[in-house]
mmCIF file of all heavy atoms, coordinates in Angstrom:
data_MODEL
# 
_entry.id   MODEL 
# 
loop_
_atom_site.group_PDB 
_atom_site.id 
_atom_site.type_symbol 
_atom_site.label_atom_id 
_atom_site.label_alt_id 
_atom_site.label_comp_id 
_atom_site.label_asym_id 
_atom_site.label_entity_id 
_atom_site.label_seq_id 
_atom_site.pdbx_PDB_ins_code 
_atom_site.Cartn_x 
_atom_site.Cartn_y 
_atom_site.Cartn_z 
_atom_site.occupancy 
_atom_site.B_iso_or_equiv 
_atom_site.pdbx_formal_charge 
_atom_site.auth_seq_id 
_atom_site.auth_comp_id 
_atom_site.auth_asym_id 
_atom_site.auth_atom_id 
_atom_site.pdbx_PDB_model_num 
ATOM 1   N N   . PHE A 1 1  ? 8.742  -72.723 -66.599 1.00 0.00 ? 1  PHE A N   1 
ATOM 2   C CA  . PHE A 1 1  ? 9.556  -73.772 -67.221 1.00 0.00 ? 1  PHE A CA  1 
ATOM 3   C C   . PHE A 1 1  ? 9.927  -74.858 -66.206 1.00 0.00 ? 1  PHE A C   1 
ATOM 4   O O   . PHE A 1 1  ? 10.934 -75.533 -66.363 1.00 0.00 ? 1  PHE A O   1 
ATOM 5   C CB  . PHE A 1 1  ? 10.819 -73.166 -67.833 1.00 0.00 ? 1  PHE A CB  1 
ATOM 6   C CG  . PHE A 1 1  ? 10.540 -72.110 -68.863 1.00 0.00 ? 1  PHE A CG  1 
ATOM 7   C CD1 . PHE A 1 1  ? 10.623 -70.767 -68.543 1.00 0.00 ? 1  PHE A CD1 1 
ATOM 8   C CD2 . PHE A 1 1  ? 10.170 -72.468 -70.150 1.00 0.00 ? 1  PHE A CD2 1 
ATOM 9   C CE1 . PHE A 1 1  ? 10.358 -69.787 -69.492 1.00 0.00 ? 1  PHE A CE1 1 
ATOM 10  C CE2 . PHE A 1 1  ? 9.904  -71.509 -71.101 1.00 0.00 ? 1  PHE A CE2 1 
ATOM 11  C CZ  . PHE A 1 1  ? 9.985  -70.153 -70.770 1.00 0.00 ? 1  PHE A CZ  1 
ATOM 12  N N   . GLU A 1 2  ? 9.104  -75.032 -65.201 1.00 0.00 ? 2  GLU A N   1 
ATOM 13  C CA  . GLU A 1 2  ? 9.360  -76.070 -64.202 1.00 0.00 ? 2  GLU A CA  1 
ATOM 14  C C   . GLU A 1 2  ? 9.404  -77.451 -64.876 1.00 0.00 ? 2  GLU A C   1 
ATOM 15  O O   . GLU A 1 2  ? 8.591  -77.769 -65.747 1.00 0.00 ? 2  GLU A O   1 
ATOM 16  C CB  . GLU A 1 2  ? 8.262  -76.087 -63.137 1.00 0.00 ? 2  GLU A CB  1 
ATOM 17  C CG  . GLU A 1 2  ? 8.450  -77.182 -62.100 1.00 0.00 ? 2  GLU A CG  1 
ATOM 18  C CD  . GLU A 1 2  ? 7.287  -77.296 -61.139 1.00 0.00 ? 2  GLU A CD  1 
ATOM 19  O OE1 . GLU A 1 2  ? 6.259  -76.635 -61.371 1.00 0.00 ? 2  GLU A OE1 1 
ATOM 20  O OE2 . GLU A 1 2  ? 7.404  -78.047 -60.161 1.00 0.00 ? 2  GLU A OE2 1 
ATOM 21  N N   . GLY A 1 3  ? 10.367 -78.263 -64.492 1.00 0.00 ? 3  GLY A N   1 
ATOM 22  C CA  . GLY A 1 3  ? 10.448 -79.619 -65.012 1.00 0.00 ? 3  GLY A CA  1 
ATOM 23  C C   . GLY A 1 3  ? 11.030 -79.727 -66.406 1.00 0.00 ? 3  GLY A C   1 
ATOM 24  O O   . GLY A 1 3  ? 11.007 -80.809 -66.995 1.00 0.00 ? 3  GLY A O   1 
ATOM 25  N N   . CYS A 1 4  ? 11.554 -78.619 -66.948 1.00 0.00 ? 4  CYS A N   1 
ATOM 26  C CA  . CYS A 1 4  ? 12.216 -78.661 -68.259 1.00 0.00 ? 4  CYS A CA  1 
ATOM 27  C C   . CYS A 1 4  ? 13.661 -79.126 -68.038 1.00 0.00 ? 4  CYS A C   1 
ATOM 28  O O   . CYS A 1 4  ? 14.609 -78.334 -68.109 1.00 0.00 ? 4  CYS A O   1 
ATOM 29  C CB  . CYS A 1 4  ? 12.163 -77.291 -68.929 1.00 0.00 ? 4  CYS A CB  1 
ATOM 30  S SG  . CYS A 1 4  ? 10.497 -76.748 -69.341 1.00 0.00 ? 4  CYS A SG  1 
ATOM 31  N N   . LYS A 1 5  ? 13.807 -80.400 -67.785 1.00 0.00 ? 5  LYS A N   1 
ATOM 32  C CA  . LYS A 1 5  ? 15.082 -80.943 -67.313 1.00 0.00 ? 5  LYS A CA  1 
ATOM 33  C C   . LYS A 1 5  ? 16.174 -80.956 -68.374 1.00 0.00 ? 5  LYS A C   1 
ATOM 34  O O   . LYS A 1 5  ? 17.355 -81.108 -68.038 1.00 0.00 ? 5  LYS A O   1 
ATOM 35  C CB  . LYS A 1 5  ? 14.866 -82.350 -66.771 1.00 0.00 ? 5  LYS A CB  1 
ATOM 36  C CG  . LYS A 1 5  ? 14.292 -83.336 -67.767 1.00 0.00 ? 5  LYS A CG  1 
ATOM 37  C CD  . LYS A 1 5  ? 14.017 -84.673 -67.111 1.00 0.00 ? 5  LYS A CD  1 
ATOM 38  C CE  . LYS A 1 5  ? 13.433 -85.678 -68.080 1.00 0.00 ? 5  LYS A CE  1 
ATOM 39  N NZ  . LYS A 1 5  ? 13.134 -86.981 -67.415 1.00 0.00 ? 5  LYS A NZ  1 
ATOM 40  N N   . SER A 1 6  ? 15.805 -80.786 -69.659 1.00 0.00 ? 6  SER A N   1 
ATOM 41  C CA  . SER A 1 6  ? 16.817 -80.782 -70.725 1.00 0.00 ? 6  SER A CA  1 
ATOM 42  C C   . SER A 1 6  ? 17.228 -79.373 -71.130 1.00 0.00 ? 6  SER A C   1 
ATOM 43  O O   . SER A 1 6  ? 18.110 -79.201 -71.984 1.00 0.00 ? 6  SER A O   1 
ATOM 44  C CB  . SER A 1 6  ? 16.288 -81.533 -71.954 1.00 0.00 ? 6  SER A CB  1 
ATOM 45  O OG  . SER A 1 6  ? 15.997 -82.880 -71.653 1.00 0.00 ? 6  SER A OG  1 
ATOM 46  N N   . LEU A 1 7  ? 16.611 -78.370 -70.537 1.00 0.00 ? 7  LEU A N   1 
ATOM 47  C CA  . LEU A 1 7  ? 16.856 -76.983 -70.929 1.00 0.00 ? 7  LEU A CA  1 
ATOM 48  C C   . LEU A 1 7  ? 18.301 -76.576 -70.637 1.00 0.00 ? 7  LEU A C   1 
ATOM 49  O O   . LEU A 1 7  ? 18.778 -76.700 -69.516 1.00 0.00 ? 7  LEU A O   1 
ATOM 50  C CB  . LEU A 1 7  ? 15.885 -76.060 -70.195 1.00 0.00 ? 7  LEU A CB  1 
ATOM 51  C CG  . LEU A 1 7  ? 15.807 -74.613 -70.671 1.00 0.00 ? 7  LEU A CG  1 
ATOM 52  C CD1 . LEU A 1 7  ? 15.354 -74.548 -72.122 1.00 0.00 ? 7  LEU A CD1 1 
ATOM 53  C CD2 . LEU A 1 7  ? 14.838 -73.827 -69.795 1.00 0.00 ? 7  LEU A CD2 1 
ATOM 54  N N   . GLU A 1 8  ? 18.993 -76.086 -71.668 1.00 0.00 ? 8  GLU A N   1 
ATOM 55  C CA  . GLU A 1 8  ? 20.406 -75.731 -71.546 1.00 0.00 ? 8  GLU A CA  1 
ATOM 56  C C   . GLU A 1 8  ? 20.693 -74.265 -71.883 1.00 0.00 ? 8  GLU A C   1 
ATOM 57  O O   . GLU A 1 8  ? 21.657 -73.703 -71.392 1.00 0.00 ? 8  GLU A O   1 
ATOM 58  C CB  . GLU A 1 8  ? 21.247 -76.625 -72.464 1.00 0.00 ? 8  GLU A CB  1 
ATOM 59  C CG  . GLU A 1 8  ? 21.175 -78.109 -72.117 1.00 0.00 ? 8  GLU A CG  1 
ATOM 60  C CD  . GLU A 1 8  ? 21.926 -78.965 -73.107 1.00 0.00 ? 8  GLU A CD  1 
ATOM 61  O OE1 . GLU A 1 8  ? 22.342 -78.420 -74.151 1.00 0.00 ? 8  GLU A OE1 1 
ATOM 62  O OE2 . GLU A 1 8  ? 22.098 -80.166 -72.849 1.00 0.00 ? 8  GLU A OE2 1 
ATOM 63  N N   . TYR A 1 9  ? 19.872 -73.684 -72.740 1.00 0.00 ? 9  TYR A N   1 
ATOM 64  C CA  . TYR A 1 9  ? 20.204 -72.344 -73.235 1.00 0.00 ? 9  TYR A CA  1 
ATOM 65  C C   . TYR A 1 9  ? 18.948 -71.493 -73.347 1.00 0.00 ? 9  TYR A C   1 
ATOM 66  O O   . TYR A 1 9  ? 17.923 -71.945 -73.858 1.00 0.00 ? 9  TYR A O   1 
ATOM 67  C CB  . TYR A 1 9  ? 20.883 -72.449 -74.601 1.00 0.00 ? 9  TYR A CB  1 
ATOM 68  C CG  . TYR A 1 9  ? 21.320 -71.124 -75.175 1.00 0.00 ? 9  TYR A CG  1 
ATOM 69  C CD1 . TYR A 1 9  ? 22.514 -70.534 -74.777 1.00 0.00 ? 9  TYR A CD1 1 
ATOM 70  C CD2 . TYR A 1 9  ? 20.530 -70.462 -76.106 1.00 0.00 ? 9  TYR A CD2 1 
ATOM 71  C CE1 . TYR A 1 9  ? 22.908 -69.312 -75.292 1.00 0.00 ? 9  TYR A CE1 1 
ATOM 72  C CE2 . TYR A 1 9  ? 20.929 -69.240 -76.632 1.00 0.00 ? 9  TYR A CE2 1 
ATOM 73  C CZ  . TYR A 1 9  ? 22.115 -68.668 -76.220 1.00 0.00 ? 9  TYR A CZ  1 
ATOM 74  O OH  . TYR A 1 9  ? 22.499 -67.456 -76.727 1.00 0.00 ? 9  TYR A OH  1 
ATOM 75  N N   . VAL A 1 10 ? 19.028 -70.241 -72.853 1.00 0.00 ? 10 VAL A N   1 
ATOM 76  C CA  . VAL A 1 10 ? 17.906 -69.311 -72.896 1.00 0.00 ? 10 VAL A CA  1 
ATOM 77  C C   . VAL A 1 10 ? 18.382 -67.966 -73.422 1.00 0.00 ? 10 VAL A C   1 
ATOM 78  O O   . VAL A 1 10 ? 19.353 -67.403 -72.917 1.00 0.00 ? 10 VAL A O   1 
ATOM 79  C CB  . VAL A 1 10 ? 17.278 -69.117 -71.496 1.00 0.00 ? 10 VAL A CB  1 
ATOM 80  C CG1 . VAL A 1 10 ? 16.140 -68.100 -71.560 1.00 0.00 ? 10 VAL A CG1 1 
ATOM 81  C CG2 . VAL A 1 10 ? 16.765 -70.443 -70.947 1.00 0.00 ? 10 VAL A CG2 1 
ATOM 82  N N   . GLU A 1 11 ? 17.721 -67.482 -74.470 1.00 0.00 ? 11 GLU A N   1 
ATOM 83  C CA  . GLU A 1 11 ? 17.918 -66.096 -74.924 1.00 0.00 ? 11 GLU A CA  1 
ATOM 84  C C   . GLU A 1 11 ? 17.043 -65.228 -74.030 1.00 0.00 ? 11 GLU A C   1 
ATOM 85  O O   . GLU A 1 11 ? 15.811 -65.327 -74.044 1.00 0.00 ? 11 GLU A O   1 
ATOM 86  C CB  . GLU A 1 11 ? 17.492 -65.949 -76.396 1.00 0.00 ? 11 GLU A CB  1 
ATOM 87  C CG  . GLU A 1 11 ? 18.467 -66.544 -77.384 1.00 0.00 ? 11 GLU A CG  1 
ATOM 88  C CD  . GLU A 1 11 ? 19.617 -65.601 -77.693 1.00 0.00 ? 11 GLU A CD  1 
ATOM 89  O OE1 . GLU A 1 11 ? 19.540 -64.412 -77.312 1.00 0.00 ? 11 GLU A OE1 1 
ATOM 90  O OE2 . GLU A 1 11 ? 20.605 -66.041 -78.298 1.00 0.00 ? 11 GLU A OE2 1 
ATOM 91  N N   . TRP A 1 12 ? 17.668 -64.378 -73.235 1.00 0.00 ? 12 TRP A N   1 
ATOM 92  C CA  . TRP A 1 12 ? 16.983 -63.666 -72.150 1.00 0.00 ? 12 TRP A CA  1 
ATOM 93  C C   . TRP A 1 12 ? 17.043 -62.152 -72.397 1.00 0.00 ? 12 TRP A C   1 
ATOM 94  O O   . TRP A 1 12 ? 18.103 -61.544 -72.310 1.00 0.00 ? 12 TRP A O   1 
ATOM 95  C CB  . TRP A 1 12 ? 17.657 -64.013 -70.830 1.00 0.00 ? 12 TRP A CB  1 
ATOM 96  C CG  . TRP A 1 12 ? 16.992 -63.489 -69.613 1.00 0.00 ? 12 TRP A CG  1 
ATOM 97  C CD1 . TRP A 1 12 ? 17.162 -62.257 -69.049 1.00 0.00 ? 12 TRP A CD1 1 
ATOM 98  C CD2 . TRP A 1 12 ? 16.059 -64.188 -68.785 1.00 0.00 ? 12 TRP A CD2 1 
ATOM 99  N NE1 . TRP A 1 12 ? 16.392 -62.144 -67.923 1.00 0.00 ? 12 TRP A NE1 1 
ATOM 100 C CE2 . TRP A 1 12 ? 15.708 -63.307 -67.734 1.00 0.00 ? 12 TRP A CE2 1 
ATOM 101 C CE3 . TRP A 1 12 ? 15.490 -65.459 -68.826 1.00 0.00 ? 12 TRP A CE3 1 
ATOM 102 C CZ2 . TRP A 1 12 ? 14.795 -63.669 -66.742 1.00 0.00 ? 12 TRP A CZ2 1 
ATOM 103 C CZ3 . TRP A 1 12 ? 14.594 -65.808 -67.825 1.00 0.00 ? 12 TRP A CZ3 1 
ATOM 104 C CH2 . TRP A 1 12 ? 14.257 -64.933 -66.804 1.00 0.00 ? 12 TRP A CH2 1 
ATOM 105 N N   . PRO A 1 13 ? 15.918 -61.505 -72.695 1.00 0.00 ? 13 PRO A N   1 
ATOM 106 C CA  . PRO A 1 13 ? 15.955 -60.064 -73.000 1.00 0.00 ? 13 PRO A CA  1 
ATOM 107 C C   . PRO A 1 13 ? 16.114 -59.197 -71.763 1.00 0.00 ? 13 PRO A C   1 
ATOM 108 O O   . PRO A 1 13 ? 15.615 -59.533 -70.684 1.00 0.00 ? 13 PRO A O   1 
ATOM 109 C CB  . PRO A 1 13 ? 14.588 -59.821 -73.652 1.00 0.00 ? 13 PRO A CB  1 
ATOM 110 C CG  . PRO A 1 13 ? 13.699 -60.841 -73.025 1.00 0.00 ? 13 PRO A CG  1 
ATOM 111 C CD  . PRO A 1 13 ? 14.561 -62.062 -72.816 1.00 0.00 ? 13 PRO A CD  1 
ATOM 112 N N   . GLY A 1 14 ? 16.801 -58.098 -71.915 1.00 0.00 ? 14 GLY A N   1 
ATOM 113 C CA  . GLY A 1 14 ? 16.964 -57.165 -70.810 1.00 0.00 ? 14 GLY A CA  1 
ATOM 114 C C   . GLY A 1 14 ? 15.704 -56.394 -70.485 1.00 0.00 ? 14 GLY A C   1 
ATOM 115 O O   . GLY A 1 14 ? 15.667 -55.635 -69.521 1.00 0.00 ? 14 GLY A O   1 
ATOM 116 N N   . THR A 1 15 ? 14.647 -56.573 -71.281 1.00 0.00 ? 15 THR A N   1 
ATOM 117 C CA  . THR A 1 15 ? 13.393 -55.867 -71.041 1.00 0.00 ? 15 THR A CA  1 
ATOM 118 C C   . THR A 1 15 ? 12.558 -56.511 -69.933 1.00 0.00 ? 15 THR A C   1 
ATOM 119 O O   . THR A 1 15 ? 11.565 -55.941 -69.508 1.00 0.00 ? 15 THR A O   1 
ATOM 120 C CB  . THR A 1 15 ? 12.537 -55.844 -72.325 1.00 0.00 ? 15 THR A CB  1 
ATOM 121 O OG1 . THR A 1 15 ? 12.362 -57.197 -72.790 1.00 0.00 ? 15 THR A OG1 1 
ATOM 122 C CG2 . THR A 1 15 ? 13.205 -55.027 -73.407 1.00 0.00 ? 15 THR A CG2 1 
ATOM 123 N N   . ILE A 1 16 ? 12.947 -57.708 -69.474 1.00 0.00 ? 16 ILE A N   1 
ATOM 124 C CA  . ILE A 1 16 ? 12.164 -58.388 -68.444 1.00 0.00 ? 16 ILE A CA  1 
ATOM 125 C C   . ILE A 1 16 ? 12.279 -57.629 -67.120 1.00 0.00 ? 16 ILE A C   1 
ATOM 126 O O   . ILE A 1 16 ? 13.362 -57.408 -66.602 1.00 0.00 ? 16 ILE A O   1 
ATOM 127 C CB  . ILE A 1 16 ? 12.618 -59.846 -68.264 1.00 0.00 ? 16 ILE A CB  1 
ATOM 128 C CG1 . ILE A 1 16 ? 12.276 -60.653 -69.532 1.00 0.00 ? 16 ILE A CG1 1 
ATOM 129 C CG2 . ILE A 1 16 ? 11.946 -60.473 -67.054 1.00 0.00 ? 16 ILE A CG2 1 
ATOM 130 C CD1 . ILE A 1 16 ? 12.719 -62.088 -69.480 1.00 0.00 ? 16 ILE A CD1 1 
ATOM 131 N N   . ILE A 1 17 ? 11.122 -57.229 -66.597 1.00 0.00 ? 17 ILE A N   1 
ATOM 132 C CA  . ILE A 1 17 ? 11.068 -56.446 -65.367 1.00 0.00 ? 17 ILE A CA  1 
ATOM 133 C C   . ILE A 1 17 ? 10.744 -57.333 -64.170 1.00 0.00 ? 17 ILE A C   1 
ATOM 134 O O   . ILE A 1 17 ? 11.346 -57.224 -63.107 1.00 0.00 ? 17 ILE A O   1 
ATOM 135 C CB  . ILE A 1 17 ? 10.011 -55.327 -65.486 1.00 0.00 ? 17 ILE A CB  1 
ATOM 136 C CG1 . ILE A 1 17 ? 10.385 -54.372 -66.627 1.00 0.00 ? 17 ILE A CG1 1 
ATOM 137 C CG2 . ILE A 1 17 ? 9.868  -54.566 -64.181 1.00 0.00 ? 17 ILE A CG2 1 
ATOM 138 C CD1 . ILE A 1 17 ? 9.306  -53.360 -66.946 1.00 0.00 ? 17 ILE A CD1 1 
ATOM 139 N N   . THR A 1 18 ? 9.786  -58.232 -64.360 1.00 0.00 ? 18 THR A N   1 
ATOM 140 C CA  . THR A 1 18 ? 9.307  -59.066 -63.254 1.00 0.00 ? 18 THR A CA  1 
ATOM 141 C C   . THR A 1 18 ? 9.534  -60.536 -63.557 1.00 0.00 ? 18 THR A C   1 
ATOM 142 O O   . THR A 1 18 ? 9.113  -61.037 -64.594 1.00 0.00 ? 18 THR A O   1 
ATOM 143 C CB  . THR A 1 18 ? 7.798  -58.839 -63.012 1.00 0.00 ? 18 THR A CB  1 
ATOM 144 O OG1 . THR A 1 18 ? 7.576  -57.447 -62.811 1.00 0.00 ? 18 THR A OG1 1 
ATOM 145 C CG2 . THR A 1 18 ? 7.327  -59.610 -61.776 1.00 0.00 ? 18 THR A CG2 1 
ATOM 146 N N   . THR A 1 19 ? 10.229 -61.212 -62.662 1.00 0.00 ? 19 THR A N   1 
ATOM 147 C CA  . THR A 1 19 ? 10.416 -62.660 -62.791 1.00 0.00 ? 19 THR A CA  1 
ATOM 148 C C   . THR A 1 19 ? 10.163 -63.307 -61.430 1.00 0.00 ? 19 THR A C   1 
ATOM 149 O O   . THR A 1 19 ? 9.984  -62.629 -60.431 1.00 0.00 ? 19 THR A O   1 
ATOM 150 C CB  . THR A 1 19 ? 11.834 -63.020 -63.247 1.00 0.00 ? 19 THR A CB  1 
ATOM 151 O OG1 . THR A 1 19 ? 12.777 -62.542 -62.282 1.00 0.00 ? 19 THR A OG1 1 
ATOM 152 C CG2 . THR A 1 19 ? 12.149 -62.422 -64.612 1.00 0.00 ? 19 THR A CG2 1 
ATOM 153 N N   . ASN A 1 20 ? 10.179 -64.609 -61.426 1.00 0.00 ? 20 ASN A N   1 
ATOM 154 C CA  . ASN A 1 20 ? 10.003 -65.357 -60.190 1.00 0.00 ? 20 ASN A CA  1 
ATOM 155 C C   . ASN A 1 20 ? 11.105 -66.390 -60.119 1.00 0.00 ? 20 ASN A C   1 
ATOM 156 O O   . ASN A 1 20 ? 11.404 -67.049 -61.108 1.00 0.00 ? 20 ASN A O   1 
ATOM 157 C CB  . ASN A 1 20 ? 8.620  -66.024 -60.186 1.00 0.00 ? 20 ASN A CB  1 
ATOM 158 C CG  . ASN A 1 20 ? 8.293  -66.700 -58.870 1.00 0.00 ? 20 ASN A CG  1 
ATOM 159 O OD1 . ASN A 1 20 ? 8.916  -67.690 -58.497 1.00 0.00 ? 20 ASN A OD1 1 
ATOM 160 N ND2 . ASN A 1 20 ? 7.312  -66.159 -58.153 1.00 0.00 ? 20 ASN A ND2 1 
ATOM 161 N N   . LYS A 1 21 ? 11.702 -66.553 -58.957 1.00 0.00 ? 21 LYS A N   1 
ATOM 162 C CA  . LYS A 1 21 ? 12.848 -67.459 -58.825 1.00 0.00 ? 21 LYS A CA  1 
ATOM 163 C C   . LYS A 1 21 ? 12.480 -68.914 -59.087 1.00 0.00 ? 21 LYS A C   1 
ATOM 164 O O   . LYS A 1 21 ? 13.364 -69.754 -59.270 1.00 0.00 ? 21 LYS A O   1 
ATOM 165 C CB  . LYS A 1 21 ? 13.466 -67.329 -57.441 1.00 0.00 ? 21 LYS A CB  1 
ATOM 166 C CG  . LYS A 1 21 ? 12.559 -67.741 -56.295 1.00 0.00 ? 21 LYS A CG  1 
ATOM 167 C CD  . LYS A 1 21 ? 13.257 -67.546 -54.960 1.00 0.00 ? 21 LYS A CD  1 
ATOM 168 C CE  . LYS A 1 21 ? 12.371 -67.969 -53.795 1.00 0.00 ? 21 LYS A CE  1 
ATOM 169 N NZ  . LYS A 1 21 ? 13.047 -67.775 -52.498 1.00 0.00 ? 21 LYS A NZ  1 
ATOM 170 N N   . LYS A 1 22 ? 11.197 -69.211 -59.151 1.00 0.00 ? 22 LYS A N   1 
ATOM 171 C CA  . LYS A 1 22 ? 10.746 -70.585 -59.365 1.00 0.00 ? 22 LYS A CA  1 
ATOM 172 C C   . LYS A 1 22 ? 10.461 -70.893 -60.828 1.00 0.00 ? 22 LYS A C   1 
ATOM 173 O O   . LYS A 1 22 ? 9.972  -71.965 -61.141 1.00 0.00 ? 22 LYS A O   1 
ATOM 174 C CB  . LYS A 1 22 ? 9.487  -70.849 -58.535 1.00 0.00 ? 22 LYS A CB  1 
ATOM 175 C CG  . LYS A 1 22 ? 9.694  -70.755 -57.037 1.00 0.00 ? 22 LYS A CG  1 
ATOM 176 C CD  . LYS A 1 22 ? 8.396  -71.023 -56.290 1.00 0.00 ? 22 LYS A CD  1 
ATOM 177 C CE  . LYS A 1 22 ? 8.600  -70.912 -54.787 1.00 0.00 ? 22 LYS A CE  1 
ATOM 178 N NZ  . LYS A 1 22 ? 7.333  -71.137 -54.034 1.00 0.00 ? 22 LYS A NZ  1 
ATOM 179 N N   . ILE A 1 23 ? 10.768 -69.978 -61.749 1.00 0.00 ? 23 ILE A N   1 
ATOM 180 C CA  . ILE A 1 23 ? 10.389 -70.201 -63.143 1.00 0.00 ? 23 ILE A CA  1 
ATOM 181 C C   . ILE A 1 23 ? 11.103 -71.397 -63.754 1.00 0.00 ? 23 ILE A C   1 
ATOM 182 O O   . ILE A 1 23 ? 10.578 -72.049 -64.654 1.00 0.00 ? 23 ILE A O   1 
ATOM 183 C CB  . ILE A 1 23 ? 10.627 -68.945 -64.019 1.00 0.00 ? 23 ILE A CB  1 
ATOM 184 C CG1 . ILE A 1 23 ? 12.090 -68.522 -64.009 1.00 0.00 ? 23 ILE A CG1 1 
ATOM 185 C CG2 . ILE A 1 23 ? 9.721  -67.816 -63.610 1.00 0.00 ? 23 ILE A CG2 1 
ATOM 186 C CD1 . ILE A 1 23 ? 12.392 -67.368 -64.951 1.00 0.00 ? 23 ILE A CD1 1 
ATOM 187 N N   . PHE A 1 24 ? 12.327 -71.701 -63.283 1.00 0.00 ? 24 PHE A N   1 
ATOM 188 C CA  . PHE A 1 24 ? 13.073 -72.848 -63.802 1.00 0.00 ? 24 PHE A CA  1 
ATOM 189 C C   . PHE A 1 24 ? 13.210 -73.946 -62.747 1.00 0.00 ? 24 PHE A C   1 
ATOM 190 O O   . PHE A 1 24 ? 14.170 -74.702 -62.752 1.00 0.00 ? 24 PHE A O   1 
ATOM 191 C CB  . PHE A 1 24 ? 14.465 -72.429 -64.267 1.00 0.00 ? 24 PHE A CB  1 
ATOM 192 C CG  . PHE A 1 24 ? 14.458 -71.486 -65.426 1.00 0.00 ? 24 PHE A CG  1 
ATOM 193 C CD1 . PHE A 1 24 ? 14.800 -70.158 -65.255 1.00 0.00 ? 24 PHE A CD1 1 
ATOM 194 C CD2 . PHE A 1 24 ? 14.106 -71.918 -66.700 1.00 0.00 ? 24 PHE A CD2 1 
ATOM 195 C CE1 . PHE A 1 24 ? 14.807 -69.274 -66.325 1.00 0.00 ? 24 PHE A CE1 1 
ATOM 196 C CE2 . PHE A 1 24 ? 14.104 -71.048 -67.770 1.00 0.00 ? 24 PHE A CE2 1 
ATOM 197 C CZ  . PHE A 1 24 ? 14.451 -69.727 -67.591 1.00 0.00 ? 24 PHE A CZ  1 
ATOM 198 N N   . LYS A 1 25 ? 12.247 -74.056 -61.869 1.00 0.00 ? 25 LYS A N   1 
ATOM 199 C CA  . LYS A 1 25 ? 12.334 -75.036 -60.782 1.00 0.00 ? 25 LYS A CA  1 
ATOM 200 C C   . LYS A 1 25 ? 12.609 -76.436 -61.331 1.00 0.00 ? 25 LYS A C   1 
ATOM 201 O O   . LYS A 1 25 ? 11.967 -76.880 -62.276 1.00 0.00 ? 25 LYS A O   1 
ATOM 202 C CB  . LYS A 1 25 ? 11.031 -75.052 -59.983 1.00 0.00 ? 25 LYS A CB  1 
ATOM 203 C CG  . LYS A 1 25 ? 11.090 -75.952 -58.759 1.00 0.00 ? 25 LYS A CG  1 
ATOM 204 C CD  . LYS A 1 25 ? 9.786  -75.916 -57.977 1.00 0.00 ? 25 LYS A CD  1 
ATOM 205 C CE  . LYS A 1 25 ? 9.857  -76.839 -56.773 1.00 0.00 ? 25 LYS A CE  1 
ATOM 206 N NZ  . LYS A 1 25 ? 8.575  -76.868 -56.017 1.00 0.00 ? 25 LYS A NZ  1 
ATOM 207 N N   . GLY A 1 26 ? 13.576 -77.101 -60.731 1.00 0.00 ? 26 GLY A N   1 
ATOM 208 C CA  . GLY A 1 26 ? 13.928 -78.453 -61.161 1.00 0.00 ? 26 GLY A CA  1 
ATOM 209 C C   . GLY A 1 26 ? 15.068 -78.491 -62.152 1.00 0.00 ? 26 GLY A C   1 
ATOM 210 O O   . GLY A 1 26 ? 15.514 -79.559 -62.558 1.00 0.00 ? 26 GLY A O   1 
# 
């Protein structure tokens, strides 16, 4: 989701095991 500058709200499931700190870069 890099460059999604208007993003304000995310429904985030607890099932996520692997993420990357750069997924929302910007």
